[in-house]
Structure formats: structure tokens, C-alpha cells
Amino acid sequence: MSKAFERYQKRKLISSYFSVVLSIGLVLFLLGALGILVLNTKKLADHFKEQITISVFLKDNAKQVEVEQLQKSLALAEYTRTSTYVSKEEAAEAYSEEIGEDFMEFLGENPLKNSVDITLKADYVSTLQIEEIAAELAEKDYVEEVSYDRPLIALLTENVKRISFWILVASALFTGIAVLLINSSIRLSIYSKRFIIKTMQMVGATKMFIRRPFIWTNLRLGMLGAVLALLMLGASLYYLDLNFPELGLLQDEVLLGGLFIGVFTLGILISFLSTYFATQRFLNLRTDDLYY
């Protein structure tokens, strides 16, 4: 009879531990997936920012040496991602293909200008910074005009800020929910042992002595849950990268490594704090309150 009861208690304990590990693993997995979304949202926003083009149109009397100096200075500028020289003939050919007819047949001449097309690094794509860059380029004597899509840049900047803000709000909210869910799982696990805690306290055991085995047990459970979450995250990333390689999810190894370390650390930290405060609560309860 006693062996059967021991086996029952052991199965019950294993089931309780499994539930805690699974709960921690699933919550941390969802939190890590949100972290991946945040990282790739920035990458996607940067991708769109870097498609913005500034066209520097040159005067017809611009010397070749001046054009070369401009290209070299742009190539060395900290804000430049790419710079491409486009002759007026190339521009005319591209425009003719775009409209589907040769516009120079009825104009009799090519009204377009030689230009240098610049794409900027994402950190420099803002209305104020682009205005400063355009003003600096327009001061050169051989520059006819500096052109870029101002409304598009303003709209893009505004939308990126709005999306980033709401993603941060969602991240903070989801982190809070994750903490509460993990805390609830651990509290339920400790709740089932509240009478053992009070019995140990009544026979003279110190709070630290009582608390220590609970903390170590739940720290190990938190580590197992974090490892489970990282395995699921790794499998999901591998699957997505295999089927959608254009997303480049596995390219930034440093950020992914930081995310994985953060998820693992968060699992340990939440487990420790939840266990500490849950045991503290039951240690401070009166014996009569344990039944409610």
C-alpha cells in the first residue's frame, strides 16, 4: 500500500514538474518569437528606408574631373550606401522604356541631365538629415538640382516611428503576461507543498533553509523550460529560413545569439524571483490561512 502511494506521489510530482517546464517553455517561446519579430521589423523598415533615392542633377558644363570628385566624395561619405552615375543617354533610354515610346523623336533633343543617384544608409533617412545632405550637395557650382521624394520620406519616417512604438508597447505587455504566467505556474507548484513548508517551519527550520531547495528545483525547471523554448525557436527559424531564404533570418548571428541568451536568462530570473516570493508568502502565512 505504501509503495503504491509512493508511486502515486512520484507520478504526481513528475506531472507537476512537467507542467511547469512546459508552461515556462511555451511562454518563453512566444516571447522569443516576439523578439524575432521586433528584430526583423527593424530590418524590414531599414530595407525600405535604403530604397529611397536622392538624384543629384549636374549642369551640362560640369567637368569630368568635378563629376569624378563628386563620386569619390559621395563614396566616402558616412551616409552613403550606394552612389551611381547615370548619364543623360542612359536616363533617356530608361525613361523611354518606362513610357513605352521614344520621347526624343518628337522633342528633337534630350532634355534630361547627367546625374548621380544616391541611396542612403537607414540611420540617415529622415526628413531633417536628408534636407541637410541635399543642401550641402546643392551648394556645389556644378550641381543643377538635388531631387528626392519629400512626402514619401516624411510618410515613411512617421509610419516607422508609429509601428516601432506599438511594437514596443506590445513587447512590454507580452513580457508582463509572460512573467505572470510563469509566476502562476510556479506558485501553483509551491502551493501544493504549503503544508510541508509550514511543518518544516514549526519544527525550527530557518526560512533560508526551507526556501533553498524550492529555489534550486525551480531554477532547474526554469533552465529546462528555457532550453525547450530555445529548441522550438531554433527549429522555427530553421524552417522559416529554409522556406523563405529571402528574409535572411539567420544572417545576423550576434543579434540572434543575444536574443537566445536573453530568453535563457529571463527564464532563470523569473523562476528565481517567482519561487522566492511564493515561498516567502507561505512562510508568512498563519497555519489557519493555509486552508484557504
Foldseek 3Di string as FASTA:
>chain_A
DVVVVVVVVVVVLVVLLVVLLQLLQVLLLVLLVLVLVLVLLVVVLQVVLQVWKKKFFFDPPDDPVNVVVVLVVLVPDPFFPDKDKAALVNVQVVVCVVVVHRPCVVVVDRPGGTIMMTGTGSVQQALVSVVVVQVVSVPDPGTDHMDTDNVVSHVSVVVSVVVSVVSVVVSVVSVVVSLVSSLVSLLVSVLVCLVVLVVCVVVPDDLCRSLVVSLVSLLVSLQSSLVSSVVVNVVVLVVCCVVPVVSVSCVPVVSSVVSSVVSNVVSNVSSNVSSVVSSVVSNPDDPVVSVD
